[in-house]
Amino acid sequence: MGHIRLGTKVPLTVTPESNVTEASRAMVGRQVGAATVVDGDRIVGVVSERDVLKKIVAAGQIGRAHV
């Protein structure tokens, strides 16, 4: 299966081993709201800003980050 490119930017990818902080910083740095999760050459999922927020709230970290 070939890669699909929408627009001119290379899609942001993370691995299943990436943690929430790494994924979040990468998304902020690239100014995107989601990243493709890849394991080798296989797409295994997508992580979004909402996923990151849910993980932070679930871990009880919501009051520690400043807006």
N, C-alpha and C. Protein backbone atom coordinates (compact mmCIF):
# COMPACT_ATOMS: atom_id res chain seq x y z
N MET A 1 0.85 -1.17 0.00
CA MET A 1 0.00 0.00 0.00
C MET A 1 0.89 1.23 0.00
N GLY A 2 0.56 2.23 -0.80
CA GLY A 2 1.34 3.45 -0.89
C GLY A 2 0.94 4.47 0.16
N HIS A 3 1.75 5.47 0.28
CA HIS A 3 1.47 6.55 1.23
C HIS A 3 0.59 7.59 0.56
N ILE A 4 -0.28 8.17 1.34
CA ILE A 4 -1.15 9.23 0.85
C ILE A 4 -0.65 10.55 1.42
N ARG A 5 -0.46 11.53 0.58
CA ARG A 5 -0.02 12.83 1.04
C ARG A 5 -1.10 13.84 0.71
N LEU A 6 -1.58 14.51 1.72
CA LEU A 6 -2.57 15.56 1.53
C LEU A 6 -1.88 16.89 1.79
N GLY A 7 -1.89 17.76 0.82
CA GLY A 7 -1.20 19.03 0.98
C GLY A 7 0.29 18.86 0.73
N THR A 8 1.07 19.79 1.28
CA THR A 8 2.50 19.79 1.01
C THR A 8 3.33 19.35 2.20
N LYS A 9 2.73 19.24 3.38
CA LYS A 9 3.48 18.85 4.57
C LYS A 9 3.57 17.33 4.70
N VAL A 10 4.71 16.87 5.18
CA VAL A 10 4.89 15.46 5.48
C VAL A 10 4.10 15.18 6.76
N PRO A 11 3.28 14.13 6.80
CA PRO A 11 2.47 13.85 8.00
C PRO A 11 3.35 13.61 9.24
N LEU A 12 2.88 14.07 10.38
CA LEU A 12 3.57 13.84 11.64
C LEU A 12 3.30 12.41 12.08
N THR A 13 4.36 11.70 12.44
CA THR A 13 4.20 10.33 12.91
C THR A 13 4.87 10.17 14.27
N VAL A 14 4.30 9.28 15.08
CA VAL A 14 4.87 8.86 16.35
C VAL A 14 4.80 7.35 16.39
N THR A 15 5.49 6.74 17.35
CA THR A 15 5.46 5.28 17.47
C THR A 15 4.60 4.89 18.67
N PRO A 16 4.21 3.63 18.76
CA PRO A 16 3.44 3.19 19.93
C PRO A 16 4.21 3.38 21.24
N GLU A 17 5.52 3.45 21.17
CA GLU A 17 6.34 3.65 22.36
C GLU A 17 6.44 5.12 22.78
N SER A 18 6.00 6.04 21.93
CA SER A 18 6.04 7.47 22.26
C SER A 18 5.13 7.74 23.45
N ASN A 19 5.56 8.61 24.35
CA ASN A 19 4.68 8.95 25.47
C ASN A 19 3.85 10.18 25.13
N VAL A 20 2.92 10.51 26.00
CA VAL A 20 1.98 11.61 25.75
C VAL A 20 2.72 12.94 25.61
N THR A 21 3.74 13.16 26.42
CA THR A 21 4.49 14.41 26.35
C THR A 21 5.18 14.55 25.00
N GLU A 22 5.83 13.50 24.53
CA GLU A 22 6.51 13.54 23.24
C GLU A 22 5.52 13.82 22.10
N ALA A 23 4.41 13.11 22.11
CA ALA A 23 3.41 13.29 21.06
C ALA A 23 2.84 14.71 21.09
N SER A 24 2.53 15.19 22.29
CA SER A 24 1.96 16.53 22.43
C SER A 24 2.93 17.60 21.96
N ARG A 25 4.18 17.50 22.37
CA ARG A 25 5.18 18.49 21.94
C ARG A 25 5.39 18.46 20.44
N ALA A 26 5.37 17.29 19.86
CA ALA A 26 5.52 17.17 18.41
C ALA A 26 4.35 17.83 17.69
N MET A 27 3.13 17.61 18.19
CA MET A 27 1.95 18.21 17.56
C MET A 27 1.98 19.73 17.69
N VAL A 28 2.36 20.24 18.85
CA VAL A 28 2.45 21.69 19.05
C VAL A 28 3.53 22.26 18.13
N GLY A 29 4.67 21.58 18.08
CA GLY A 29 5.77 22.07 17.25
C GLY A 29 5.42 22.13 15.77
N ARG A 30 4.63 21.21 15.32
CA ARG A 30 4.22 21.17 13.91
C ARG A 30 2.90 21.89 13.65
N GLN A 31 2.27 22.36 14.72
CA GLN A 31 0.98 23.06 14.63
C GLN A 31 -0.07 22.20 13.95
N VAL A 32 -0.19 20.97 14.45
CA VAL A 32 -1.21 20.04 13.95
C VAL A 32 -2.00 19.49 15.13
N GLY A 33 -3.18 18.98 14.88
CA GLY A 33 -4.05 18.48 15.94
C GLY A 33 -4.04 16.98 16.12
N ALA A 34 -3.22 16.29 15.30
CA ALA A 34 -3.17 14.83 15.41
C ALA A 34 -1.88 14.32 14.79
N ALA A 35 -1.52 13.09 15.17
CA ALA A 35 -0.34 12.44 14.62
C ALA A 35 -0.70 11.00 14.28
N THR A 36 -0.10 10.49 13.23
CA THR A 36 -0.30 9.10 12.84
C THR A 36 0.65 8.23 13.65
N VAL A 37 0.12 7.14 14.21
CA VAL A 37 0.95 6.20 14.98
C VAL A 37 1.38 5.10 14.02
N VAL A 38 2.71 4.94 13.89
CA VAL A 38 3.24 3.93 12.98
C VAL A 38 4.13 2.96 13.74
N ASP A 39 4.05 1.70 13.35
CA ASP A 39 4.90 0.65 13.90
C ASP A 39 5.65 0.05 12.70
N GLY A 40 6.89 0.46 12.54
CA GLY A 40 7.62 0.07 11.34
C GLY A 40 7.03 0.78 10.14
N ASP A 41 6.54 0.01 9.17
CA ASP A 41 5.92 0.62 7.99
C ASP A 41 4.39 0.49 8.02
N ARG A 42 3.84 0.10 9.17
CA ARG A 42 2.38 -0.06 9.30
C ARG A 42 1.76 1.08 10.09
N ILE A 43 0.66 1.61 9.62
CA ILE A 43 -0.12 2.58 10.38
C ILE A 43 -0.98 1.80 11.36
N VAL A 44 -0.84 2.10 12.66
CA VAL A 44 -1.58 1.36 13.67
C VAL A 44 -2.57 2.22 14.43
N GLY A 45 -2.60 3.52 14.14
CA GLY A 45 -3.57 4.36 14.83
C GLY A 45 -3.31 5.84 14.61
N VAL A 46 -4.09 6.63 15.32
CA VAL A 46 -3.98 8.08 15.29
C VAL A 46 -4.12 8.58 16.72
N VAL A 47 -3.30 9.54 17.11
CA VAL A 47 -3.43 10.18 18.42
C VAL A 47 -3.78 11.65 18.17
N SER A 48 -4.79 12.13 18.89
CA SER A 48 -5.27 13.50 18.68
C SER A 48 -5.08 14.34 19.94
N GLU A 49 -5.31 15.65 19.80
CA GLU A 49 -5.27 16.53 20.96
C GLU A 49 -6.24 16.06 22.04
N ARG A 50 -7.40 15.58 21.63
CA ARG A 50 -8.39 15.08 22.58
C ARG A 50 -7.86 13.86 23.35
N ASP A 51 -7.18 12.96 22.64
CA ASP A 51 -6.58 11.80 23.30
C ASP A 51 -5.58 12.24 24.37
N VAL A 52 -4.75 13.23 24.03
CA VAL A 52 -3.74 13.74 24.98
C VAL A 52 -4.44 14.34 26.19
N LEU A 53 -5.46 15.14 25.97
CA LEU A 53 -6.18 15.77 27.08
C LEU A 53 -6.81 14.72 27.98
N LYS A 54 -7.42 13.70 27.40
CA LYS A 54 -8.04 12.64 28.20
C LYS A 54 -7.00 11.92 29.05
N LYS A 55 -5.81 11.67 28.52
CA LYS A 55 -4.75 11.01 29.28
C LYS A 55 -4.30 11.88 30.45
N ILE A 56 -4.17 13.18 30.22
CA ILE A 56 -3.74 14.10 31.28
C ILE A 56 -4.77 14.14 32.40
N VAL A 57 -6.04 14.26 32.04
CA VAL A 57 -7.11 14.30 33.05
C VAL A 57 -7.17 12.99 33.81
N ALA A 58 -7.07 11.87 33.11
CA ALA A 58 -7.13 10.56 33.75
C ALA A 58 -5.97 10.35 34.72
N ALA A 59 -4.82 10.96 34.43
CA ALA A 59 -3.65 10.80 35.29
C ALA A 59 -3.66 11.80 36.45
N GLY A 60 -4.68 12.66 36.50
CA GLY A 60 -4.75 13.63 37.58
C GLY A 60 -3.78 14.78 37.44
N GLN A 61 -3.32 15.05 36.23
CA GLN A 61 -2.33 16.09 36.00
C GLN A 61 -2.94 17.42 35.56
N ILE A 62 -4.25 17.50 35.51
CA ILE A 62 -4.91 18.66 34.91
C ILE A 62 -4.59 19.96 35.63
N GLY A 63 -4.43 19.96 36.94
CA GLY A 63 -4.17 21.18 37.68
C GLY A 63 -2.73 21.62 37.66
N ARG A 64 -1.85 20.86 37.08
CA ARG A 64 -0.42 21.17 37.11
C ARG A 64 0.07 21.91 35.90
N ALA A 65 -0.72 21.95 34.85
CA ALA A 65 -0.30 22.66 33.63
C ALA A 65 -0.96 24.02 33.58
N HIS A 66 -0.18 25.02 33.22
CA HIS A 66 -0.72 26.38 33.11
C HIS A 66 -1.19 26.64 31.70
N VAL A 67 -2.19 27.49 31.58
CA VAL A 67 -2.75 27.83 30.27
C VAL A 67 -1.91 28.93 29.65
